[in-house]
Amino acid sequence: MNTIAENNWLLTALVFTPLAGALLMVLIPEKDERSHKQAALITSLLTLGLAVFLLWDFDYSNAASLQYFVDTQWIEVIGAGYTIGVDGMSLPLIALTALIMPLVFVYSWHHIPEPGNAKAFLILSLILETGMIGTFVAQDLVLFFVFFEVVLLPMFFMIAVWGGANRRYASLKFFLFTLFGSALMLLSFLALYFLTDEGTFNMLVLTENAGAGIARGTQLLIFAGMFIGFGVKVPMFPFHTWLPDAHTEAPTQGSVILAAVLLKLGTYGFIRIAIPMLPEAAEAWAPWIGLLAVIGIIYGALGCLAQTDMKRLIAFSSVAHMGFVMLGIATLTDFGINAAIFGMVAHGLITGMLFFIAGSVKERYHTLEIKRLGGMLVQAPRMGWILGFVSMASLGLPGLAGFWGEFPAILAAYNPAAGVPEGTFRGYMVVAAIGTVLAAGYLLWLLQRTAMGEPSIEFADDPNITDVSPTEWIAWTPLLVGIVLFGVAPGLIFEVTDPAVVQSLDNCIMTGCEGVQTATSAAGGG
């Protein structure tokens, strides 16, 4: 694979700037809360500036190749290297992460959750940012695993210390589920290392090898370990049960980061590691991945209809939306995987925004119990209209980003890759389409119960029910603009991701795998 080594300092700076900021904050006294907020915000803005430079300097005509590539020896005894790079598949997710974090810090300016301690809370958030960006740039399995796991402890403490009443249960469940999945994923990585002739953790070499020399049965077992490891992080049904509890108990900022970025680490693992490195196993597993994806779509939607808590409803909606992402991935086509990447970005913008709104509702009403809410359009009209707008985006209204996260994934299921059962996936397509109807049902029901009608007697004269504050406007506006921008101009993402996706799948064809290949699609698959 051709690589571009210009500005090879950029990714290292992008990854470790948040960590450097966190280390500097250790020196600031805990009582100086304002300085901590300023340091965290400035650090995240510097990281965003580096990401903007990356977007400007990136060679879009060569998006299929790794750029800003660095490959140096790291842990010689096990053959692990500090190998990083970015292509069209990882670029949108890096940009999403770099955008979300400063918005979280802006929102945190007046919203440090109880029991306070801004220093620890903001330092953990910056460490999370390093882990998330590092995962998207890693090109070595050991390095990927390190960054993948770096996010575990900060999020655990964020839920356990600053979460709700059941925070200990939710944080422990999150930790154990993720740790179990990671253990199986690590075993799969070790199996690839020992069973390939090269004996390497280098992801470029393993992708070019594409499972050659590994028996089919062994490939299936290795893929199963990755499937569970990444599936828990997504999370896919039936590994999803930690997510509603984690979202419900997490502070607003934790829920936003979790929904906007952390869930994408799992789906990214599928498209970057599992499918390119074990395409024969991916073909065999594809119908099962698709089946669990559509079960997740329907189960998540029905779970939403049964919820009484606004935040828990949004959490179950993530299970459904990530089902659409996994359905696109399961088709093993360029069109489906492009749809999945777009779906990741769209979900990050939309569901992150929904959790921001839920946090502000909780701050004003001191409850998220849906039956106690109502009349938001009367008491806080701007917030009510924003909730309505984002709900429309989440249900997949054409012209907004959510549409391009769902419709192409459904369309891709009509024509999956050769070797994947076509009739089965067309059945999945029908089920997924029904899921969009259920999504409209639960989101419109939420909007009706919380925003419309008259305020409840309990809150009718409450002076604390105020409209959107200036810091909320600053934190929310970029997400609202992104939802519209990518809804009107989806090519801004599709044109970046498509060359890298096609390259990833074409590599399998070149190594003799006939099942995983690009599908010619009337809808525009490459």
Foldseek 3Di string as FASTA:
>chain_A
DDEAQPPLVLLVCLLCLLVVLLVVLVPPDQVPLVVLLVSLLVSLVVSLVSLVVCVVPPDLVPLQHWYSWDWADDPVVQAWTQTWTHHLLLSLLLNLLSLQRSLLSLLVPVPQAPPDRNSLLSSLSSQLSSLQSQLSTGQFQVSNLVSLCSNLVSLLCQQCHRWDPCSVVLSVLSNVQLVVLSVLLVVLLCCLLVQDPVNHRGNVVLLLCQCPRPDPVVLLSSLVSLCSNLCLQLPFPPNQVSQLSSQRTGALSSNLCSFQGRSVSSLCCCLRHNCSNHVSNLLVCLLVLLVRLLVQLVVLLVVLVPDQFQRSSLRSLSSNLSSLLSLLVSLLALLSNLLNSLSSNLRSLLSSLSSLLSNVCCVQVVGRGLQQAEACCPLAVVSLVVLVVSLCLSLQPQLWSNVSNHVSSLQSLCWGFASHDNVSSPVSSVSSVVSSVSSNVSSVVSSHSHHHDHRDPVCNPPPSRYYQDPSNCVSNVVSVVNRNVCSNPVCVSSSRNSSNSQSSQVSCVVSPDRGNHHDDDPVDRD
